Protein backbone atom coordinates (compact mmCIF):
# COMPACT_ATOMS: atom_id res chain seq x y z
CA UNK A 1 49.65 -27.76 -5.55
CA UNK A 2 47.60 -27.51 -8.71
CA UNK A 3 45.22 -30.18 -7.39
CA UNK A 4 44.64 -28.12 -4.22
CA UNK A 5 43.88 -25.01 -6.30
CA UNK A 6 41.39 -26.95 -8.44
CA UNK A 7 39.81 -28.47 -5.31
CA UNK A 8 39.59 -25.02 -3.65
CA UNK A 9 38.08 -23.46 -6.78
CA UNK A 10 35.58 -26.33 -6.99
CA UNK A 11 34.53 -25.84 -3.37
CA UNK A 12 34.23 -22.10 -3.90
CA UNK A 13 32.03 -22.54 -6.95
CA UNK A 14 29.91 -25.19 -5.20
CA UNK A 15 29.35 -22.83 -2.28
CA UNK A 16 28.33 -20.02 -4.62
CA UNK A 17 25.85 -22.28 -6.32
CA UNK A 18 24.24 -23.18 -3.00
CA UNK A 19 24.02 -19.52 -2.02
CA UNK A 20 22.37 -18.65 -5.32
CA UNK A 21 19.99 -21.58 -4.99
CA UNK A 22 18.94 -20.37 -1.55
CA UNK A 23 18.49 -16.85 -2.87
CA UNK A 24 16.57 -18.10 -5.91
CA UNK A 25 14.22 -20.11 -3.67
CA UNK A 26 13.62 -17.11 -1.37
CA UNK A 27 12.75 -14.76 -4.24
CA UNK A 28 9.49 -16.50 -5.25
CA UNK A 29 8.39 -16.63 -1.59
CA UNK A 30 9.03 -12.89 -1.18
CA UNK A 31 7.19 -12.20 -4.43
CA UNK A 32 4.18 -14.17 -3.17
CA UNK A 33 4.04 -11.99 -0.06
CA UNK A 34 3.89 -8.73 -2.02
CA UNK A 35 0.88 -8.22 -4.31
CA UNK A 36 1.55 -7.15 -7.89
CA UNK A 37 1.74 -3.33 -8.05
CA UNK A 38 -1.38 -2.90 -10.18
CA UNK A 39 -3.53 -5.58 -8.54
CA UNK A 40 -6.66 -5.02 -6.46
CA UNK A 41 -4.74 -6.57 -3.55
CA UNK A 42 -2.09 -3.86 -3.88
CA UNK A 43 -4.83 -1.21 -3.83
CA UNK A 44 -6.29 -2.73 -0.66
CA UNK A 45 -2.83 -2.91 0.91
CA UNK A 46 -2.29 0.79 0.17
CA UNK A 47 -5.61 1.70 1.81
CA UNK A 48 -4.71 -0.38 4.88
CA UNK A 49 -1.27 1.27 5.08
CA UNK A 50 -2.80 4.72 4.62
CA UNK A 51 -5.18 4.32 7.55
CA UNK A 52 -2.49 2.66 9.68
CA UNK A 53 -0.24 5.66 9.03
CA UNK A 54 -3.02 8.01 10.17
CA UNK A 55 -3.63 5.94 13.31
CA UNK A 56 0.08 5.95 14.19
CA UNK A 57 0.18 9.70 13.46
CA UNK A 58 2.68 9.27 10.62
CA UNK A 59 0.72 11.90 8.77
CA UNK A 60 3.46 12.83 6.31
CA UNK A 61 3.47 9.23 5.08
CA UNK A 62 -0.33 9.14 4.86
CA UNK A 63 -0.49 12.50 3.07
CA UNK A 64 2.08 11.24 0.53
CA UNK A 65 -0.30 8.52 -0.70
CA UNK A 66 -2.48 11.15 -2.37
CA UNK A 67 -1.97 11.76 -6.08
CA UNK A 68 -3.35 15.30 -5.73
CA UNK A 69 -4.29 16.13 -2.12
CA UNK A 70 -7.67 17.81 -1.73
CA UNK A 71 -6.48 19.84 1.26
CA UNK A 72 -3.31 21.33 2.67
CA UNK A 73 -1.06 19.26 4.89
CA UNK A 74 -1.87 21.53 7.84
CA UNK A 75 -5.61 20.87 7.43
CA UNK A 76 -4.91 17.14 6.99
CA UNK A 77 -2.98 17.16 10.28
CA UNK A 78 -5.77 18.99 12.08
CA UNK A 79 -8.44 16.62 10.73
CA UNK A 80 -6.55 13.51 11.85
CA UNK A 81 -4.73 14.63 15.03
CA UNK A 82 -7.23 13.05 17.45
CA UNK A 83 -7.26 9.57 15.82
CA UNK A 84 -5.59 6.71 17.70
CA UNK A 85 -6.69 3.65 15.68
CA UNK A 86 -8.62 2.81 12.54
CA UNK A 87 -9.95 -0.58 11.54
CA UNK A 88 -10.60 -0.99 7.82
CA UNK A 89 -13.03 -3.53 6.40
CA UNK A 90 -13.54 -3.99 2.68
CA UNK A 91 -17.28 -4.43 2.24
CA UNK A 92 -17.66 -5.30 -1.43
CA UNK A 93 -15.94 -6.25 -4.62
CA UNK A 94 -13.44 -3.77 -6.08
CA UNK A 95 -14.72 -2.07 -9.23
CA UNK A 96 -12.18 -1.05 -11.88
CA UNK A 97 -12.53 1.16 -14.90
CA UNK A 98 -10.09 2.61 -17.38
CA UNK A 99 -9.82 6.05 -18.90
CA UNK A 100 -7.19 7.53 -21.24
CA UNK A 101 -4.18 5.56 -20.06
CA UNK A 102 -5.23 5.34 -16.41
CA UNK A 103 -7.04 2.77 -14.32
CA UNK A 104 -9.28 3.64 -11.39
CA UNK A 105 -10.34 1.20 -8.69
CA UNK A 106 -13.18 1.83 -6.26
CA UNK A 107 -12.99 -0.02 -2.95
CA UNK A 108 -16.10 -0.08 -0.76
CA UNK A 109 -15.01 0.26 2.89
CA UNK A 110 -16.27 0.65 6.40
CA UNK A 111 -14.08 2.25 9.03
CA UNK A 112 -14.15 1.87 12.81
CA UNK A 113 -12.33 4.93 14.14
CA UNK A 114 -11.00 5.22 17.68
CA UNK A 115 -10.14 8.66 19.03
CA UNK A 116 -7.59 9.69 21.65
CA UNK A 117 -10.37 11.04 23.89
CA UNK A 118 -11.89 7.54 24.13
CA UNK A 119 -14.75 8.08 21.72
CA UNK A 120 -15.37 5.90 18.68
CA UNK A 121 -16.78 6.54 15.25
CA UNK A 122 -17.90 4.68 12.16
CA UNK A 123 -17.78 5.75 8.54
CA UNK A 124 -18.49 3.96 5.30
CA UNK A 125 -18.31 4.63 1.61
CA UNK A 126 -15.77 4.31 -1.16
CA UNK A 127 -12.06 4.91 -1.56
CA UNK A 128 -10.94 5.51 -5.15
CA UNK A 129 -7.36 4.91 -6.27
CA UNK A 130 -5.69 5.61 -9.59
CA UNK A 131 -2.66 4.33 -11.43
CA UNK A 132 -1.26 4.89 -14.90
CA UNK A 133 -1.07 2.04 -17.39
CA UNK A 134 2.33 1.16 -18.76
CA UNK A 135 2.47 4.11 -21.12
CA UNK A 136 5.71 5.64 -22.41
CA UNK A 137 7.10 8.15 -19.95
CA UNK A 138 5.17 6.86 -16.93
CA UNK A 139 7.17 7.09 -13.72
CA UNK A 140 7.53 4.17 -11.32
CA UNK A 141 5.31 6.00 -8.82
CA UNK A 142 2.57 6.51 -11.43
CA UNK A 143 2.50 2.76 -12.14
CA UNK A 144 1.51 2.10 -8.51
CA UNK A 145 -1.83 2.91 -6.92
CA UNK A 146 -2.30 6.38 -5.44
CA UNK A 147 -5.27 7.77 -3.54
CA UNK A 148 -7.51 9.70 -5.89
CA UNK A 149 -10.70 10.37 -3.91
CA UNK A 150 -12.73 9.29 -0.91
CA UNK A 151 -16.50 9.39 -0.62
CA UNK A 152 -17.11 8.46 3.01
CA UNK A 153 -19.95 9.30 5.34
CA UNK A 154 -19.02 11.68 8.14
CA UNK A 155 -17.96 9.58 11.11
CA UNK A 156 -20.86 8.99 13.48
CA UNK A 157 -19.19 9.39 16.88
CA UNK A 158 -20.21 7.52 20.04
CA UNK A 159 -19.30 9.56 23.09
């Protein structure tokens, strides 16, 4: 009886070890798929997600990426209601600079905008994001990139 208990315990522990090994092997792969929160790749991913949210009309999600929105949510909705798709291209190297515990990154972009009425537009310029360095009291959200400003040309629309 004791031999069966030892054998059963051994099998149980061996199975747990295999499960943990599988989990441990999956963790580095998952980490490789997600860019580090403060990296330029994470900033680019946020910009892509922001414009995808606008295109899918998930405007609450898109609006939430702003650190301090420059307009009301109602105006944001009105400005983006006719958009059906946006293609984002990064057109230059990201430029970073620091200031008093924060880091800013400027991403040069060009946008191809498709509207619900069938027209298309193009805009280009810069998207600026901000995050806080690891300073005491910084929240998890502040450690990740947030939209800070956009300096884009007005979309030239082809009708």
